[in-house]
């Protein structure tokens, strides 16, 4: 029996972190994401990060919600969730941007995968790790088109 597809849109990925300030700073330094909302709840601090509007006015409706529980902050231990292969993926417009991301990661000590070119649909990519050890990929030439 065929089932009807669920409607809706993917909006965010919530990631635990042990240092919210370091996480925000890392994503703002290495990705197009910017913190646009931050609050403290009873047992955690939360920040929402997303891309700003593109030059053509369009907006990517997907973001990250970084959550630092007070117990995780006090433990001061990284909380790797997206590792060793699971990862966030960012598309860039030029292979030079992959190389630039890799160089920034190399200089910051967070390069995870050196740039490498894979056959379609994977493309040219590298990856960095955020302060919690989550893998973040930068790619050129990938497509989710079916």
N, C-alpha and C. Protein backbone atom coordinates (compact mmCIF):
# COMPACT_ATOMS: atom_id res chain seq x y z
N UNK A 1 0.84 -1.17 0.00
CA UNK A 1 0.00 0.00 0.00
C UNK A 1 0.89 1.24 0.00
N UNK A 2 0.64 2.14 -0.93
CA UNK A 2 1.43 3.37 -1.03
C UNK A 2 1.01 4.34 0.06
N UNK A 3 1.99 5.01 0.63
CA UNK A 3 1.69 6.02 1.63
C UNK A 3 1.87 7.40 1.03
N UNK A 4 1.09 8.33 1.52
CA UNK A 4 1.19 9.70 1.04
C UNK A 4 2.41 10.36 1.67
N UNK A 5 3.12 11.14 0.88
CA UNK A 5 4.30 11.84 1.38
C UNK A 5 3.91 12.85 2.45
N UNK A 6 4.75 12.96 3.44
CA UNK A 6 4.55 13.95 4.49
C UNK A 6 4.93 15.31 3.93
N UNK A 7 4.11 16.30 4.19
CA UNK A 7 4.44 17.65 3.73
C UNK A 7 5.18 18.39 4.83
N UNK A 8 5.83 19.44 4.46
CA UNK A 8 6.58 20.26 5.42
C UNK A 8 7.94 20.61 4.85
N UNK A 9 8.71 21.34 5.62
CA UNK A 9 10.04 21.76 5.19
C UNK A 9 11.03 21.51 6.31
N UNK A 10 12.24 21.14 5.93
CA UNK A 10 13.33 20.98 6.88
C UNK A 10 13.78 22.38 7.29
N UNK A 11 13.77 22.69 8.59
CA UNK A 11 14.08 24.04 9.04
C UNK A 11 15.37 24.18 9.83
N UNK A 12 15.73 23.16 10.62
CA UNK A 12 16.91 23.31 11.45
C UNK A 12 17.43 21.97 11.94
N UNK A 13 18.64 22.02 12.42
CA UNK A 13 19.27 20.90 13.11
C UNK A 13 19.70 21.43 14.46
N UNK A 14 19.28 20.79 15.54
CA UNK A 14 19.68 21.21 16.88
C UNK A 14 20.92 20.42 17.28
N UNK A 15 21.95 21.15 17.68
CA UNK A 15 23.22 20.53 18.08
C UNK A 15 23.56 20.94 19.50
N UNK A 16 23.85 19.97 20.36
CA UNK A 16 24.34 20.33 21.69
C UNK A 16 25.76 20.86 21.57
N UNK A 17 26.13 21.74 22.48
CA UNK A 17 27.51 22.24 22.50
C UNK A 17 27.92 22.47 23.95
N UNK A 18 29.22 22.48 24.18
CA UNK A 18 29.70 22.69 25.55
C UNK A 18 30.09 24.13 25.82
N UNK A 19 30.22 24.95 24.77
CA UNK A 19 30.59 26.36 24.92
C UNK A 19 29.87 27.15 23.83
N UNK A 20 28.75 27.74 24.19
CA UNK A 20 27.92 28.42 23.20
C UNK A 20 28.65 29.57 22.53
N UNK A 21 29.39 30.36 23.30
CA UNK A 21 30.13 31.48 22.70
C UNK A 21 31.14 30.99 21.67
N UNK A 22 31.89 29.93 22.00
CA UNK A 22 32.88 29.39 21.06
C UNK A 22 32.19 28.82 19.82
N UNK A 23 31.04 28.19 20.01
CA UNK A 23 30.31 27.62 18.88
C UNK A 23 29.82 28.72 17.94
N UNK A 24 29.23 29.77 18.50
CA UNK A 24 28.77 30.89 17.67
C UNK A 24 29.95 31.50 16.93
N UNK A 25 31.04 31.76 17.64
CA UNK A 25 32.22 32.38 17.01
C UNK A 25 32.76 31.50 15.89
N UNK A 26 32.80 30.18 16.09
CA UNK A 26 33.33 29.27 15.07
C UNK A 26 32.46 29.29 13.82
N UNK A 27 31.14 29.14 13.99
CA UNK A 27 30.26 29.12 12.82
C UNK A 27 30.25 30.47 12.10
N UNK A 28 30.36 31.57 12.83
CA UNK A 28 30.40 32.87 12.17
C UNK A 28 31.73 33.09 11.45
N UNK A 29 32.81 32.48 11.92
CA UNK A 29 34.12 32.62 11.27
C UNK A 29 34.27 31.70 10.06
N UNK A 30 33.64 30.53 10.09
CA UNK A 30 33.89 29.51 9.06
C UNK A 30 32.74 29.24 8.11
N UNK A 31 31.55 29.76 8.41
CA UNK A 31 30.39 29.48 7.57
C UNK A 31 29.62 30.78 7.33
N UNK A 32 28.61 30.75 6.46
CA UNK A 32 27.78 31.94 6.26
C UNK A 32 26.72 32.13 7.35
N UNK A 33 26.70 31.25 8.36
CA UNK A 33 25.69 31.35 9.41
C UNK A 33 26.02 32.48 10.38
N UNK A 34 24.95 33.15 10.83
CA UNK A 34 25.07 34.23 11.81
C UNK A 34 24.02 34.02 12.89
N UNK A 35 24.40 34.28 14.14
CA UNK A 35 23.44 34.16 15.24
C UNK A 35 22.42 35.30 15.13
N UNK A 36 21.15 34.94 15.15
CA UNK A 36 20.11 35.97 15.08
C UNK A 36 19.17 35.93 16.27
N UNK A 37 19.30 34.92 17.13
CA UNK A 37 18.46 34.82 18.32
C UNK A 37 19.27 34.09 19.39
N UNK A 38 19.18 34.59 20.61
CA UNK A 38 19.87 33.94 21.71
C UNK A 38 19.03 34.15 22.96
N UNK A 39 18.96 33.10 23.78
CA UNK A 39 18.20 33.21 25.02
C UNK A 39 18.71 32.21 26.04
N UNK A 40 18.39 32.46 27.30
CA UNK A 40 18.69 31.52 28.37
C UNK A 40 17.37 30.96 28.87
N UNK A 41 17.29 29.64 28.92
CA UNK A 41 16.14 28.96 29.49
C UNK A 41 16.52 28.50 30.90
N UNK A 42 15.67 27.73 31.53
CA UNK A 42 15.92 27.27 32.89
C UNK A 42 17.19 26.44 32.99
N UNK A 43 17.43 25.57 32.02
CA UNK A 43 18.57 24.66 32.14
C UNK A 43 19.55 24.73 30.97
N UNK A 44 19.38 25.74 30.10
CA UNK A 44 20.27 25.80 28.93
C UNK A 44 20.27 27.20 28.33
N UNK A 45 21.31 27.46 27.54
CA UNK A 45 21.35 28.65 26.68
C UNK A 45 21.21 28.16 25.25
N UNK A 46 20.52 28.94 24.44
CA UNK A 46 20.20 28.54 23.08
C UNK A 46 20.54 29.68 22.13
N UNK A 47 21.10 29.34 20.97
CA UNK A 47 21.32 30.33 19.92
C UNK A 47 20.84 29.74 18.60
N UNK A 48 20.13 30.55 17.83
CA UNK A 48 19.71 30.17 16.49
C UNK A 48 20.65 30.84 15.50
N UNK A 49 21.15 30.07 14.54
CA UNK A 49 22.05 30.59 13.52
C UNK A 49 21.47 30.26 12.15
N UNK A 50 21.56 31.21 11.24
CA UNK A 50 21.08 31.01 9.87
C UNK A 50 21.82 31.95 8.94
N UNK A 51 21.71 31.68 7.65
CA UNK A 51 22.28 32.58 6.66
C UNK A 51 21.40 33.82 6.56
N UNK A 52 22.03 34.95 6.27
CA UNK A 52 21.27 36.17 5.99
C UNK A 52 20.76 36.11 4.56
N UNK A 53 20.02 37.13 4.15
CA UNK A 53 19.53 37.16 2.77
C UNK A 53 20.68 37.18 1.76
N UNK A 54 20.48 36.49 0.65
CA UNK A 54 21.46 36.49 -0.43
C UNK A 54 21.33 37.78 -1.23
N UNK A 55 22.32 38.08 -2.08
CA UNK A 55 22.25 39.31 -2.88
C UNK A 55 20.96 39.43 -3.70
N UNK A 56 20.41 38.28 -4.12
CA UNK A 56 19.17 38.33 -4.92
C UNK A 56 17.92 38.42 -4.05
N UNK A 57 18.10 38.49 -2.72
CA UNK A 57 16.98 38.63 -1.81
C UNK A 57 16.42 37.32 -1.29
N UNK A 58 16.83 36.19 -1.86
CA UNK A 58 16.33 34.90 -1.37
C UNK A 58 16.97 34.57 -0.03
N UNK A 59 16.30 33.72 0.73
CA UNK A 59 16.78 33.32 2.04
C UNK A 59 16.77 31.80 2.12
N UNK A 60 17.84 31.22 2.65
CA UNK A 60 17.88 29.79 2.91
C UNK A 60 17.13 29.56 4.22
N UNK A 61 16.04 28.80 4.21
CA UNK A 61 15.23 28.66 5.40
C UNK A 61 15.74 27.62 6.41
N UNK A 62 16.95 27.12 6.24
CA UNK A 62 17.48 26.09 7.13
C UNK A 62 18.57 26.68 8.02
N UNK A 63 18.57 26.32 9.29
CA UNK A 63 19.58 26.82 10.21
C UNK A 63 19.99 25.79 11.25
N UNK A 64 20.80 26.24 12.17
CA UNK A 64 21.27 25.41 13.28
C UNK A 64 20.78 26.04 14.58
N UNK A 65 20.35 25.21 15.50
CA UNK A 65 20.03 25.65 16.85
C UNK A 65 21.11 25.05 17.75
N UNK A 66 21.97 25.90 18.28
CA UNK A 66 23.03 25.44 19.19
C UNK A 66 22.51 25.54 20.61
N UNK A 67 22.62 24.43 21.35
CA UNK A 67 22.08 24.35 22.70
C UNK A 67 23.19 23.96 23.67
N UNK A 68 23.42 24.81 24.65
CA UNK A 68 24.42 24.53 25.69
C UNK A 68 23.68 24.37 27.01
N UNK A 69 23.56 23.11 27.46
CA UNK A 69 22.95 22.92 28.77
C UNK A 69 23.96 23.38 29.82
N UNK A 70 23.46 23.81 30.95
CA UNK A 70 24.37 24.28 31.99
C UNK A 70 25.24 23.13 32.51
N UNK A 71 24.71 21.91 32.53
CA UNK A 71 25.54 20.78 32.97
C UNK A 71 26.64 20.49 31.95
N UNK A 72 26.35 20.62 30.66
CA UNK A 72 27.39 20.43 29.64
C UNK A 72 28.44 21.53 29.73
N UNK A 73 28.00 22.76 29.98
CA UNK A 73 28.95 23.87 30.12
C UNK A 73 29.88 23.61 31.30
N UNK A 74 29.31 23.19 32.42
CA UNK A 74 30.11 22.96 33.61
C UNK A 74 31.06 21.79 33.45
N UNK A 75 30.67 20.78 32.66
CA UNK A 75 31.55 19.64 32.41
C UNK A 75 32.72 20.03 31.51
N UNK A 76 32.52 21.04 30.67
CA UNK A 76 33.56 21.59 29.78
C UNK A 76 34.16 20.54 28.85
N UNK A 77 33.37 19.54 28.47
CA UNK A 77 33.84 18.51 27.55
C UNK A 77 33.12 18.66 26.21
N UNK A 78 33.84 18.54 25.10
CA UNK A 78 33.18 18.60 23.79
C UNK A 78 32.08 17.55 23.67
N UNK A 79 31.08 17.85 22.86
CA UNK A 79 29.94 16.95 22.65
C UNK A 79 29.85 16.66 21.15
N UNK A 80 30.68 15.76 20.64
CA UNK A 80 30.62 15.46 19.21
C UNK A 80 29.38 14.63 18.87
N UNK A 81 28.58 15.12 17.95
CA UNK A 81 27.39 14.41 17.49
C UNK A 81 27.59 13.99 16.04
N UNK A 82 28.04 14.91 15.21
CA UNK A 82 28.23 14.64 13.78
C UNK A 82 29.68 14.25 13.55
N UNK A 83 29.96 12.98 13.73
CA UNK A 83 31.32 12.46 13.61
C UNK A 83 31.25 10.95 13.49
N UNK A 84 32.14 10.22 12.97
CA UNK A 84 33.31 10.66 12.23
C UNK A 84 32.98 11.02 10.79
N UNK A 85 31.82 10.52 10.30
CA UNK A 85 31.45 10.82 8.91
C UNK A 85 30.20 11.69 8.82
N UNK A 86 29.27 11.54 9.75
CA UNK A 86 28.07 12.37 9.72
C UNK A 86 28.50 13.83 9.72
N UNK A 87 27.81 14.69 8.96
CA UNK A 87 28.30 16.06 8.84
C UNK A 87 27.21 17.01 8.35
N UNK A 88 27.47 18.29 8.57
CA UNK A 88 26.70 19.36 7.94
C UNK A 88 27.37 19.66 6.62
N UNK A 89 26.62 20.02 5.60
CA UNK A 89 27.22 20.32 4.31
C UNK A 89 26.85 21.72 3.84
N UNK A 90 27.87 22.47 3.42
CA UNK A 90 27.68 23.80 2.85
C UNK A 90 28.16 23.78 1.41
N UNK A 91 27.32 24.24 0.49
CA UNK A 91 27.71 24.37 -0.91
C UNK A 91 28.35 25.73 -1.12
N UNK A 92 29.43 25.75 -1.89
CA UNK A 92 30.08 27.01 -2.25
C UNK A 92 30.01 27.17 -3.77
N UNK A 93 30.25 28.39 -4.24
CA UNK A 93 30.05 28.70 -5.66
C UNK A 93 31.27 28.48 -6.53
N UNK A 94 32.42 28.18 -5.93
CA UNK A 94 33.65 28.07 -6.71
C UNK A 94 34.60 27.13 -5.96
N UNK A 95 35.34 26.28 -6.68
CA UNK A 95 36.28 25.39 -5.99
C UNK A 95 37.33 26.14 -5.18
N UNK A 96 37.62 27.38 -5.56
CA UNK A 96 38.58 28.18 -4.79
C UNK A 96 38.08 28.39 -3.36
N UNK A 97 36.76 28.44 -3.19
CA UNK A 97 36.18 28.61 -1.85
C UNK A 97 36.39 27.37 -0.99
N UNK A 98 36.42 26.19 -1.61
CA UNK A 98 36.75 24.96 -0.87
C UNK A 98 38.18 25.06 -0.37
N UNK A 99 39.09 25.46 -1.26
CA UNK A 99 40.49 25.60 -0.86
C UNK A 99 40.65 26.65 0.24
N UNK A 100 39.91 27.75 0.14
CA UNK A 100 39.99 28.80 1.16
C UNK A 100 39.47 28.30 2.51
N UNK A 101 38.37 27.54 2.49
CA UNK A 101 37.84 26.97 3.73
C UNK A 101 38.87 26.03 4.36
N UNK A 102 39.50 25.22 3.52
CA UNK A 102 40.52 24.29 4.03
C UNK A 102 41.69 25.05 4.64
N UNK A 103 42.11 26.12 4.00
CA UNK A 103 43.23 26.90 4.52
C UNK A 103 42.86 27.56 5.84
N UNK A 104 41.65 28.12 5.94
CA UNK A 104 41.20 28.70 7.21
C UNK A 104 41.19 27.63 8.30
N UNK A 105 40.69 26.44 7.95
CA UNK A 105 40.66 25.35 8.92
C UNK A 105 42.05 24.89 9.32
N UNK A 106 42.94 24.83 8.35
CA UNK A 106 44.33 24.44 8.62
C UNK A 106 44.96 25.44 9.60
N UNK A 107 44.76 26.73 9.33
CA UNK A 107 45.34 27.77 10.18
C UNK A 107 44.73 27.76 11.59
N UNK A 108 43.45 27.40 11.68
CA UNK A 108 42.77 27.37 12.98
C UNK A 108 42.92 26.03 13.68
N UNK A 109 43.57 25.07 13.03
CA UNK A 109 43.76 23.75 13.64
C UNK A 109 42.51 22.89 13.65
N UNK A 110 41.59 23.15 12.71
CA UNK A 110 40.34 22.38 12.72
C UNK A 110 40.05 21.72 11.37
N UNK A 111 41.06 21.56 10.51
CA UNK A 111 40.86 20.87 9.23
C UNK A 111 40.67 19.38 9.49
N UNK A 112 39.60 18.82 8.96
CA UNK A 112 39.27 17.41 9.17
C UNK A 112 39.58 16.57 7.93
N UNK A 113 39.14 17.04 6.76
CA UNK A 113 39.43 16.38 5.48
C UNK A 113 40.11 17.38 4.57
N UNK A 114 41.25 17.02 4.07
CA UNK A 114 41.92 17.85 3.05
C UNK A 114 41.02 17.91 1.81
N UNK A 115 41.14 18.96 1.01
CA UNK A 115 40.34 19.03 -0.23
C UNK A 115 40.59 17.81 -1.11
N UNK A 116 39.51 17.29 -1.65
CA UNK A 116 39.58 16.12 -2.53
C UNK A 116 38.45 16.22 -3.55
N UNK A 117 38.70 15.74 -4.74
CA UNK A 117 37.71 15.77 -5.81
C UNK A 117 37.13 14.37 -5.98
N UNK A 118 35.82 14.24 -5.85
CA UNK A 118 35.11 12.97 -6.02
C UNK A 118 34.25 13.05 -7.27
N UNK A 119 33.92 11.89 -7.86
CA UNK A 119 33.02 11.89 -9.01
C UNK A 119 31.61 12.39 -8.62
N UNK A 120 30.83 12.83 -9.61
CA UNK A 120 29.46 13.28 -9.35
C UNK A 120 28.65 12.16 -8.67
N UNK A 121 27.77 12.51 -7.81
CA UNK A 121 27.32 13.86 -7.48
C UNK A 121 28.08 14.50 -6.31
N UNK A 122 29.18 13.92 -5.87
CA UNK A 122 29.85 14.40 -4.65
C UNK A 122 30.60 15.70 -4.88
N UNK A 123 31.49 15.77 -5.86
CA UNK A 123 32.20 17.00 -6.17
C UNK A 123 33.47 17.21 -5.36
N UNK A 124 33.94 18.43 -5.38
CA UNK A 124 35.18 18.84 -4.73
C UNK A 124 34.84 19.32 -3.32
N UNK A 125 35.51 18.80 -2.31
CA UNK A 125 35.12 19.12 -0.94
C UNK A 125 36.28 19.07 0.03
N UNK A 126 36.05 19.67 1.18
CA UNK A 126 36.92 19.53 2.35
C UNK A 126 35.99 19.57 3.56
N UNK A 127 36.53 19.33 4.74
CA UNK A 127 35.71 19.43 5.95
C UNK A 127 36.56 19.95 7.10
N UNK A 128 35.88 20.65 7.99
CA UNK A 128 36.46 21.16 9.22
C UNK A 128 35.71 20.54 10.39
N UNK A 129 36.21 20.72 11.60
CA UNK A 129 35.47 20.31 12.80
C UNK A 129 35.23 21.54 13.67
N UNK A 130 34.02 21.62 14.21
CA UNK A 130 33.67 22.73 15.08
C UNK A 130 34.23 22.48 16.49
N UNK A 131 34.01 23.39 17.44
CA UNK A 131 34.60 23.22 18.77
C UNK A 131 34.18 21.95 19.51
N UNK A 132 33.08 21.33 19.10
CA UNK A 132 32.65 20.08 19.72
C UNK A 132 33.06 18.85 18.92
N UNK A 133 33.76 19.04 17.82
CA UNK A 133 34.19 17.91 17.01
C UNK A 133 33.21 17.51 15.93
N UNK A 134 32.14 18.29 15.72
CA UNK A 134 31.19 18.01 14.65
C UNK A 134 31.83 18.33 13.31
N UNK A 135 31.61 17.48 12.33
CA UNK A 135 32.20 17.64 11.01
C UNK A 135 31.33 18.56 10.17
N UNK A 136 31.98 19.54 9.51
CA UNK A 136 31.29 20.52 8.67
C UNK A 136 31.98 20.53 7.31
N UNK A 137 31.24 20.13 6.27
CA UNK A 137 31.79 19.99 4.92
C UNK A 137 31.51 21.23 4.07
N UNK A 138 32.47 21.56 3.20
CA UNK A 138 32.33 22.61 2.21
C UNK A 138 32.55 21.97 0.85
N UNK A 139 31.59 22.11 -0.06
CA UNK A 139 31.69 21.41 -1.33
C UNK A 139 31.33 22.30 -2.50
N UNK A 140 31.93 21.96 -3.63
CA UNK A 140 31.59 22.58 -4.91
C UNK A 140 31.20 21.47 -5.86
N UNK A 141 30.07 21.64 -6.55
CA UNK A 141 29.66 20.67 -7.56
C UNK A 141 28.72 19.60 -7.06
N UNK A 142 28.25 19.69 -5.83
CA UNK A 142 27.26 18.73 -5.35
C UNK A 142 25.88 19.21 -5.74
N UNK A 143 24.98 18.26 -5.90
CA UNK A 143 23.61 18.63 -6.22
C UNK A 143 22.67 17.64 -5.56
N UNK A 144 21.61 18.17 -5.00
CA UNK A 144 20.55 17.32 -4.45
C UNK A 144 19.41 17.18 -5.43
N UNK A 145 19.59 17.70 -6.64
CA UNK A 145 18.55 17.59 -7.66
C UNK A 145 18.36 16.14 -8.06
N UNK A 146 17.10 15.76 -8.23
CA UNK A 146 16.82 14.38 -8.62
C UNK A 146 16.62 14.27 -10.11
